Amino acid sequence: MAKKKKNSRKLLTIAAVGIVALLLLYAFWPSPAMVDMGEVTQGPMRVTINEEGRTRVHDSFQVSTPTEGRLLRVDVEAGDNVSKGMIVARMTPAPLDSRSRAQARASVTSAQAGLRLAANGVGQARADKRLADQNLARERKLWELKSTSRAALDMAIRDAQSANASVQSAQSTVAMRRGELTAAQSQLIGSSGSGGAIAIRAPATGRILKVMQQSAATLAAGTPVMEIGNITGDLEILVELLSTDAVNVSVGDQVLIDNWGGPKPLRGEVAIIEPQGFTKFSALGVEEQRVNAIVRFTGTQIAEANLGSGFRVETRIIVWQDKDAVIVPSSALFRDQGKWAVFVVSGGDAQLRRVKIGRNNGTQAQVLDGLKKGDKVILYPSSDIVDGTDVEQREVG
């Protein structure tokens, strides 16, 4: 009986030691490293340069006072539609003193004489052209009859072309002299002190972008009154690119326009990259070298966007894209002995693999060699992960 109790105690001791050993083995057995995993995919990928921009009218017209005088109160307001030739403001010119009036009259007389002289020049040029044309026709007929030389024909052609150019030059001179006469006559407006108002007309059809002078005031000649532009058909975006980004942008690159206030991106293309850069300080006081790029809208969405001049937008200039690229998350990449590498998960183990990478947009990278669609890779690999480490997917949430 005592012998049986002794054997039982021994068995219990052995069992207890075995259980403790198993517990210790379980406690110190290396557990798989918990990691985040991603998957290699295949599909469209693009590389963009993202920058803020602001809208502006490409060809805006500034309406200014034509002469010194008192501007009457401007009735039109920013946002009003105007047509070319429409009266947008009126002003009363300041009366001239006797000396200024005499100078203005002398300028008008001189301009009138210049215009008559230019008109006579047009008549002389036209007469020379008729003579040259007749001579050319005669030489061509003689050439057909083989009764003149090629040199004589060429000379007649040159004389006719020169005479035609002289006519055009004389006509341009007449237009210039007419402008001078109009400018000289404008100096006499209001010289009698009658107080007649001058109508200031819109130079183009569009909308009033802003009114710089709303109230009545006495202004000098050339003072800006308002700005007019065609927002619907002439709107563009000014983007200030870093010079290091501008060298990668080409005219014609497609642009996606986001965060303009609508639900869908608008589309555009790069129209101009200015050759001259400029220095600008960022909000943090960092000195940057910037280059202006002009983006023009494409498509029909702009007509429904209701954008105006000076609106803020965000642009994504597409500098590269591939419709069928093999893509790996950029967060899976790291450098190993100067080359790109990833950890591929296979059978629960992390396997170090060298890869060849093409384009990288900061979120996705183009794989040229080393990975295929469907491969599982470790994201943000820590220094604890080495080739052959047991890994397990970290549960999300």
Protein backbone atom coordinates (compact mmCIF):
# COMPACT_ATOMS: atom_id res chain seq x y z
CA MET A 1 0.00 0.00 0.00
CA ALA A 2 2.81 2.38 0.89
CA LYS A 3 4.58 1.45 -2.34
CA LYS A 4 1.51 2.39 -4.40
CA LYS A 5 1.26 5.80 -2.70
CA LYS A 6 4.92 6.44 -3.39
CA ASN A 7 4.53 5.63 -7.13
CA SER A 8 1.45 7.83 -7.39
CA ARG A 9 3.32 10.77 -5.79
CA LYS A 10 6.14 10.24 -8.23
CA LEU A 11 3.81 10.25 -11.23
CA LEU A 12 2.11 13.40 -10.02
CA THR A 13 5.46 15.11 -9.61
CA ILE A 14 6.56 14.11 -13.12
CA ALA A 15 3.24 15.30 -14.55
CA ALA A 16 3.53 18.63 -12.71
CA VAL A 17 7.09 19.15 -13.95
CA GLY A 18 5.97 18.32 -17.52
CA ILE A 19 3.10 20.81 -17.35
CA VAL A 20 5.40 23.54 -16.04
CA ALA A 21 7.91 22.78 -18.79
CA LEU A 22 5.19 23.00 -21.42
CA LEU A 23 3.97 26.28 -19.98
CA LEU A 24 7.49 27.70 -19.98
CA LEU A 25 8.04 26.47 -23.54
CA TYR A 26 4.79 28.09 -24.64
CA ALA A 27 5.64 31.32 -22.84
CA PHE A 28 9.07 31.66 -24.40
CA TRP A 29 8.20 30.26 -27.83
CA PRO A 30 8.72 33.10 -30.39
CA SER A 31 5.37 34.43 -31.60
CA PRO A 32 4.83 35.74 -35.16
CA ALA A 33 5.48 39.46 -35.61
CA MET A 34 2.28 41.43 -36.14
CA VAL A 35 2.55 43.49 -39.34
CA ASP A 36 0.41 45.49 -41.76
CA MET A 37 0.19 43.95 -45.20
CA GLY A 38 -0.58 45.30 -48.63
CA GLU A 39 -1.09 43.74 -52.03
CA VAL A 40 0.61 44.30 -55.36
CA THR A 41 -2.01 45.40 -57.89
CA GLN A 42 -2.13 46.12 -61.60
CA GLY A 43 -4.01 49.01 -63.17
CA PRO A 44 -3.89 52.72 -63.99
CA MET A 45 -1.29 54.89 -62.26
CA ARG A 46 -0.29 58.51 -62.64
CA VAL A 47 2.30 60.89 -61.29
CA THR A 48 1.09 64.44 -60.68
CA ILE A 49 2.50 67.73 -59.47
CA ASN A 50 0.01 69.25 -57.05
CA GLU A 51 -0.13 72.99 -56.49
CA GLU A 52 -2.64 75.68 -55.62
CA GLY A 53 -3.70 78.15 -58.29
CA ARG A 54 -6.02 81.08 -58.81
CA THR A 55 -8.27 81.90 -61.72
CA ARG A 56 -7.93 85.03 -63.83
CA VAL A 57 -9.23 86.44 -67.11
CA HIS A 58 -6.63 86.04 -69.87
CA ASP A 59 -7.53 89.24 -71.73
CA SER A 60 -8.97 91.78 -69.33
CA PHE A 61 -9.58 95.39 -70.33
CA GLN A 62 -8.96 98.32 -68.02
CA VAL A 63 -11.24 101.29 -68.58
CA SER A 64 -9.50 104.58 -67.77
CA THR A 65 -10.38 108.26 -67.93
CA PRO A 66 -9.58 109.63 -71.42
CA THR A 67 -8.74 113.11 -70.16
CA GLU A 68 -8.42 115.12 -66.99
CA GLY A 69 -11.73 116.12 -65.46
CA ARG A 70 -14.48 115.17 -63.04
CA LEU A 71 -15.81 111.63 -63.22
CA LEU A 72 -19.54 111.38 -62.56
CA ARG A 73 -20.75 108.66 -60.23
CA VAL A 74 -20.46 105.23 -61.84
CA ASP A 75 -23.81 103.41 -61.93
CA VAL A 76 -22.62 99.98 -63.08
CA GLU A 77 -21.34 97.47 -60.50
CA ALA A 78 -19.01 94.49 -60.44
CA GLY A 79 -20.72 91.48 -62.03
CA ASP A 80 -22.85 93.46 -64.49
CA ASN A 81 -22.84 92.27 -68.09
CA VAL A 82 -21.76 94.85 -70.67
CA SER A 83 -21.48 94.84 -74.45
CA LYS A 84 -18.84 96.48 -76.60
CA GLY A 85 -19.57 100.20 -77.05
CA MET A 86 -21.96 100.39 -74.11
CA ILE A 87 -21.66 103.55 -71.98
CA VAL A 88 -20.29 102.51 -68.57
CA ALA A 89 -19.33 105.93 -67.16
CA ARG A 90 -19.39 109.64 -67.91
CA MET A 91 -17.05 112.47 -67.04
CA THR A 92 -16.88 116.25 -67.44
CA PRO A 93 -13.48 117.32 -68.81
CA ALA A 94 -11.60 120.10 -67.08
CA PRO A 95 -11.59 123.39 -69.05
CA LEU A 96 -8.27 124.38 -70.63
CA ASP A 97 -6.50 127.64 -69.91
CA SER A 98 -5.69 129.98 -72.84
CA ARG A 99 -2.14 128.66 -73.27
CA SER A 100 -3.17 124.99 -73.19
CA ARG A 101 -6.06 125.73 -75.57
CA ALA A 102 -3.67 127.36 -78.06
CA GLN A 103 -1.30 124.40 -77.84
CA ALA A 104 -4.18 121.96 -78.36
CA ARG A 105 -5.41 123.88 -81.42
CA ALA A 106 -1.89 123.91 -82.86
CA SER A 107 -1.67 120.14 -82.30
CA VAL A 108 -4.97 119.65 -84.13
CA THR A 109 -3.78 121.78 -87.07
CA SER A 110 -0.52 119.85 -87.23
CA ALA A 111 -2.33 116.51 -87.04
CA GLN A 112 -4.73 117.54 -89.82
CA ALA A 113 -1.81 118.52 -92.05
CA GLY A 114 -0.10 115.21 -91.30
CA LEU A 115 -3.27 113.33 -92.20
CA ARG A 116 -3.56 115.17 -95.55
CA LEU A 117 0.08 114.45 -96.31
CA ALA A 118 -0.41 110.76 -95.47
CA ALA A 119 -3.53 110.62 -97.70
CA ASN A 120 -1.52 112.08 -100.59
CA GLY A 121 1.08 109.41 -99.96
CA VAL A 122 -1.58 106.73 -100.34
CA GLY A 123 -2.60 108.18 -103.72
CA GLN A 124 1.01 108.26 -104.92
CA ALA A 125 1.60 104.69 -103.72
CA ARG A 126 -1.51 103.44 -105.51
CA ALA A 127 -0.43 105.15 -108.74
CA ASP A 128 3.00 103.50 -108.49
CA LYS A 129 1.32 100.15 -107.86
CA ARG A 130 -0.87 100.46 -110.97
CA LEU A 131 2.19 101.26 -113.08
CA ALA A 132 4.15 98.35 -111.58
CA ASP A 133 1.23 95.95 -112.16
CA GLN A 134 0.97 97.04 -115.81
CA ASN A 135 4.70 96.59 -116.30
CA LEU A 136 4.55 93.12 -114.72
CA ALA A 137 1.66 92.09 -116.98
CA ARG A 138 3.60 93.27 -120.03
CA GLU A 139 6.79 91.43 -118.99
CA ARG A 140 4.84 88.20 -118.38
CA LYS A 141 3.32 88.39 -121.85
CA LEU A 142 6.77 89.02 -123.36
CA TRP A 143 8.13 86.06 -121.37
CA GLU A 144 5.42 83.81 -122.83
CA LEU A 145 6.50 85.02 -126.28
CA LYS A 146 10.14 84.46 -125.31
CA SER A 147 10.87 88.11 -126.08
CA THR A 148 12.35 89.14 -122.69
CA SER A 149 14.86 87.84 -120.20
CA ARG A 150 14.20 86.12 -116.90
CA ALA A 151 16.02 88.90 -115.11
CA ALA A 152 13.64 91.51 -116.54
CA LEU A 153 10.64 89.46 -115.41
CA ASP A 154 12.06 89.03 -111.91
CA MET A 155 12.70 92.76 -111.74
CA ALA A 156 9.07 93.48 -112.68
CA ILE A 157 7.82 91.03 -110.03
CA ARG A 158 9.99 92.69 -107.40
CA ASP A 159 8.75 96.17 -108.39
CA ALA A 160 5.12 95.04 -108.15
CA GLN A 161 5.65 93.51 -104.70
CA SER A 162 7.47 96.63 -103.52
CA ALA A 163 4.68 98.87 -104.80
CA ASN A 164 2.07 96.76 -102.99
CA ALA A 165 4.05 97.02 -99.74
CA SER A 166 4.28 100.78 -100.22
CA VAL A 167 0.50 101.02 -100.49
CA GLN A 168 0.05 99.07 -97.24
CA SER A 169 2.66 101.22 -95.51
CA ALA A 170 0.97 104.41 -96.69
CA GLN A 171 -2.41 103.17 -95.46
CA SER A 172 -0.91 102.39 -92.04
CA THR A 173 0.51 105.89 -91.94
CA VAL A 174 -2.96 107.31 -92.61
CA ALA A 175 -4.39 105.25 -89.73
CA MET A 176 -1.63 106.47 -87.43
CA ARG A 177 -2.23 110.11 -88.45
CA ARG A 178 -5.95 109.72 -87.81
CA GLY A 179 -5.17 108.49 -84.32
CA GLU A 180 -2.93 111.46 -83.72
CA LEU A 181 -5.68 113.79 -84.90
CA THR A 182 -8.21 112.13 -82.58
CA ALA A 183 -5.81 112.44 -79.66
CA ALA A 184 -5.17 116.10 -80.49
CA GLN A 185 -8.90 116.83 -80.82
CA SER A 186 -9.55 115.20 -77.44
CA GLN A 187 -7.36 117.85 -75.84
CA LEU A 188 -9.84 120.48 -77.00
CA ILE A 189 -12.82 118.72 -75.42
CA GLY A 190 -14.29 120.98 -72.81
CA SER A 191 -12.01 123.91 -73.70
CA SER A 192 -15.01 126.14 -74.11
CA GLY A 193 -16.06 125.37 -70.54
CA SER A 194 -19.54 124.33 -71.64
CA GLY A 195 -19.44 121.36 -69.26
CA GLY A 196 -20.53 118.71 -71.75
CA ALA A 197 -20.07 115.16 -70.45
CA ILE A 198 -17.88 112.63 -72.23
CA ALA A 199 -19.23 109.08 -72.55
CA ILE A 200 -16.78 106.35 -71.52
CA ARG A 201 -17.64 103.16 -73.39
CA ALA A 202 -16.85 99.49 -72.79
CA PRO A 203 -13.98 98.32 -75.03
CA ALA A 204 -15.24 94.72 -75.19
CA THR A 205 -18.19 92.49 -74.39
CA GLY A 206 -18.02 90.72 -71.03
CA ARG A 207 -18.63 91.31 -67.34
CA ILE A 208 -17.35 94.01 -65.04
CA LEU A 209 -14.73 92.33 -62.84
CA LYS A 210 -14.22 95.22 -60.44
CA VAL A 211 -14.90 98.94 -60.15
CA MET A 212 -11.94 100.93 -58.86
CA GLN A 213 -13.68 104.34 -58.78
CA GLN A 214 -17.38 104.27 -57.91
CA SER A 215 -17.95 107.75 -56.52
CA ALA A 216 -17.70 111.06 -58.36
CA ALA A 217 -14.21 112.54 -58.20
CA THR A 218 -11.80 114.78 -60.07
CA LEU A 219 -9.24 112.51 -61.76
CA ALA A 220 -6.17 112.83 -63.93
CA ALA A 221 -6.11 111.44 -67.46
CA GLY A 222 -5.46 107.69 -67.53
CA THR A 223 -6.84 106.94 -64.05
CA PRO A 224 -8.29 103.37 -63.92
CA VAL A 225 -12.05 103.29 -63.40
CA MET A 226 -13.02 99.65 -63.88
CA GLU A 227 -11.87 96.30 -65.32
CA ILE A 228 -13.88 94.27 -67.85
CA GLY A 229 -13.33 90.67 -68.95
CA ASN A 230 -15.02 87.65 -70.49
CA ILE A 231 -15.22 85.16 -67.61
CA THR A 232 -17.17 82.49 -69.50
CA GLY A 233 -14.85 82.07 -72.47
CA ASP A 234 -11.53 83.56 -71.38
CA LEU A 235 -10.88 82.19 -67.89
CA GLU A 236 -7.53 80.55 -67.06
CA ILE A 237 -5.55 79.48 -63.99
CA LEU A 238 -2.25 80.92 -62.81
CA VAL A 239 -0.17 78.28 -61.00
CA GLU A 240 3.10 79.14 -59.25
CA LEU A 241 5.24 76.01 -59.56
CA LEU A 242 8.49 75.31 -57.79
CA SER A 243 11.27 75.60 -60.35
CA THR A 244 12.30 72.00 -59.57
CA ASP A 245 8.77 70.88 -60.53
CA ALA A 246 8.44 73.20 -63.52
CA VAL A 247 11.28 71.43 -65.38
CA ASN A 248 9.15 68.26 -65.40
CA VAL A 249 6.06 69.99 -66.82
CA SER A 250 5.47 70.40 -70.55
CA VAL A 251 3.02 72.47 -72.56
CA GLY A 252 0.00 70.29 -73.32
CA ASP A 253 0.14 68.24 -70.10
CA GLN A 254 -3.33 67.35 -68.82
CA VAL A 255 -4.50 68.96 -65.58
CA LEU A 256 -7.14 67.92 -63.04
CA ILE A 257 -8.69 70.86 -61.15
CA ASP A 258 -9.99 69.96 -57.67
CA ASN A 259 -11.47 71.72 -54.64
CA TRP A 260 -13.01 74.49 -56.70
CA GLY A 261 -16.39 74.07 -55.01
CA GLY A 262 -18.06 71.49 -57.23
CA PRO A 263 -18.48 67.72 -56.86
CA LYS A 264 -16.31 66.67 -59.82
CA PRO A 265 -12.84 67.72 -60.98
CA LEU A 266 -12.62 70.09 -63.93
CA ARG A 267 -10.14 69.45 -66.73
CA GLY A 268 -7.54 71.65 -68.32
CA GLU A 269 -4.13 71.62 -69.95
CA VAL A 270 -0.88 73.51 -69.52
CA ALA A 271 -0.80 76.34 -72.07
CA ILE A 272 2.28 78.36 -71.07
CA ILE A 273 5.32 77.86 -68.84
CA GLU A 274 6.99 81.22 -68.36
CA PRO A 275 10.77 81.17 -68.90
CA GLN A 276 11.51 83.65 -66.11
CA GLY A 277 11.36 82.51 -62.49
CA PHE A 278 10.99 84.65 -59.39
CA THR A 279 11.77 84.41 -55.69
CA LYS A 280 8.95 84.00 -53.18
CA PHE A 281 8.86 83.34 -49.44
CA SER A 282 6.55 80.60 -48.18
CA ALA A 283 4.26 80.96 -45.17
CA LEU A 284 7.07 79.50 -43.05
CA GLY A 285 9.55 82.07 -44.32
CA VAL A 286 11.39 79.67 -46.61
CA GLU A 287 12.82 81.24 -49.76
CA GLU A 288 11.54 79.45 -52.87
CA GLN A 289 12.16 79.85 -56.55
CA ARG A 290 8.85 79.81 -58.40
CA VAL A 291 7.79 79.73 -62.06
CA ASN A 292 4.39 80.80 -63.41
CA ALA A 293 2.44 78.24 -65.42
CA ILE A 294 -0.84 79.04 -67.20
CA VAL A 295 -3.56 76.38 -67.31
CA ARG A 296 -6.44 76.72 -69.80
CA PHE A 297 -9.77 74.98 -69.20
CA THR A 298 -10.86 72.24 -71.61
CA GLY A 299 -14.25 70.62 -72.07
CA THR A 300 -17.70 72.09 -71.44
CA GLN A 301 -17.88 71.85 -67.63
CA ILE A 302 -16.39 75.31 -67.12
CA ALA A 303 -19.59 76.88 -68.46
CA GLU A 304 -21.50 75.32 -65.54
CA ALA A 305 -18.82 75.84 -62.88
CA ASN A 306 -19.76 79.46 -62.09
CA LEU A 307 -16.12 80.33 -61.39
CA GLY A 308 -14.97 83.94 -61.41
CA SER A 309 -11.66 85.77 -61.54
CA GLY A 310 -9.39 85.41 -58.50
CA PHE A 311 -10.94 82.14 -57.26
CA ARG A 312 -8.75 79.57 -55.48
CA VAL A 313 -8.43 76.07 -56.96
CA GLU A 314 -6.10 73.09 -56.57
CA THR A 315 -4.41 71.70 -59.66
CA ARG A 316 -2.92 68.27 -60.33
CA ILE A 317 -0.68 68.39 -63.40
CA ILE A 318 -0.26 64.90 -64.87
CA VAL A 319 3.40 64.48 -65.85
CA TRP A 320 3.22 60.68 -66.36
CA GLN A 321 0.57 57.98 -66.49
CA ASP A 322 0.25 54.29 -67.37
CA LYS A 323 -3.05 52.48 -67.87
CA ASP A 324 -1.68 49.03 -66.96
CA ALA A 325 1.14 49.38 -64.44
CA VAL A 326 2.19 46.88 -61.75
CA ILE A 327 1.79 48.88 -58.54
CA VAL A 328 3.20 48.39 -55.05
CA PRO A 329 2.42 50.65 -52.07
CA SER A 330 5.30 53.09 -51.55
CA SER A 331 5.20 52.36 -47.81
CA ALA A 332 6.46 48.81 -48.49
CA LEU A 333 9.73 50.01 -50.08
CA PHE A 334 13.05 50.43 -48.30
CA ARG A 335 16.69 50.59 -49.32
CA ASP A 336 18.88 47.50 -48.92
CA GLN A 337 22.54 47.88 -49.91
CA GLY A 338 21.68 50.83 -52.10
CA LYS A 339 18.83 49.10 -53.95
CA TRP A 340 15.07 49.02 -53.52
CA ALA A 341 13.65 46.01 -51.68
CA VAL A 342 10.44 44.75 -50.07
CA PHE A 343 9.42 41.95 -47.71
CA VAL A 344 7.11 39.51 -49.50
CA VAL A 345 4.92 37.35 -47.26
CA SER A 346 4.94 33.69 -48.31
CA GLY A 347 3.78 30.82 -46.08
CA GLY A 348 3.74 33.10 -43.04
CA ASP A 349 7.38 34.10 -43.50
CA ALA A 350 8.85 37.43 -44.55
CA GLN A 351 11.09 37.02 -47.59
CA LEU A 352 13.48 39.79 -48.59
CA ARG A 353 13.22 40.56 -52.29
CA ARG A 354 15.03 43.11 -54.42
CA VAL A 355 12.82 45.02 -56.85
CA LYS A 356 13.28 47.46 -59.71
CA ILE A 357 11.13 50.58 -59.34
CA GLY A 358 10.10 53.07 -62.01
CA ARG A 359 7.85 56.04 -61.20
CA ASN A 360 6.87 56.85 -57.62
CA ASN A 361 4.17 59.35 -56.68
CA GLY A 362 4.69 59.06 -52.92
CA THR A 363 1.71 56.74 -52.44
CA GLN A 364 2.22 54.17 -55.19
CA ALA A 365 5.31 52.98 -57.03
CA GLN A 366 5.59 51.41 -60.47
CA VAL A 367 7.24 47.96 -60.37
CA LEU A 368 9.44 47.16 -63.36
CA ASP A 369 10.78 43.84 -62.06
CA GLY A 370 10.68 41.61 -58.96
CA LEU A 371 6.95 41.52 -58.10
CA LYS A 372 3.75 40.36 -59.71
CA LYS A 373 0.09 41.06 -59.24
CA GLY A 374 -1.32 39.48 -56.06
CA ASP A 375 1.94 39.36 -54.05
CA LYS A 376 1.52 40.24 -50.36
CA VAL A 377 4.03 42.75 -49.02
CA ILE A 378 4.72 44.15 -45.56
CA LEU A 379 3.90 47.82 -45.09
CA TYR A 380 6.14 50.04 -42.98
CA PRO A 381 8.59 47.19 -42.16
CA SER A 382 10.44 47.76 -38.87
CA SER A 383 14.05 46.91 -38.11
CA ASP A 384 12.86 43.77 -36.29
CA ILE A 385 11.74 42.22 -39.56
CA VAL A 386 14.47 40.24 -41.30
CA ASP A 387 14.52 37.61 -43.99
CA GLY A 388 12.68 34.53 -42.65
CA THR A 389 10.81 36.23 -39.79
CA ASP A 390 7.43 34.69 -38.97
CA VAL A 391 4.75 37.33 -39.53
CA GLU A 392 1.04 37.58 -39.09
CA GLN A 393 -1.53 40.10 -40.35
CA ARG A 394 -2.36 42.74 -37.74
CA GLU A 395 -6.07 42.97 -37.12
CA VAL A 396 -7.57 46.31 -38.10
CA GLY A 397 -9.74 48.01 -35.48
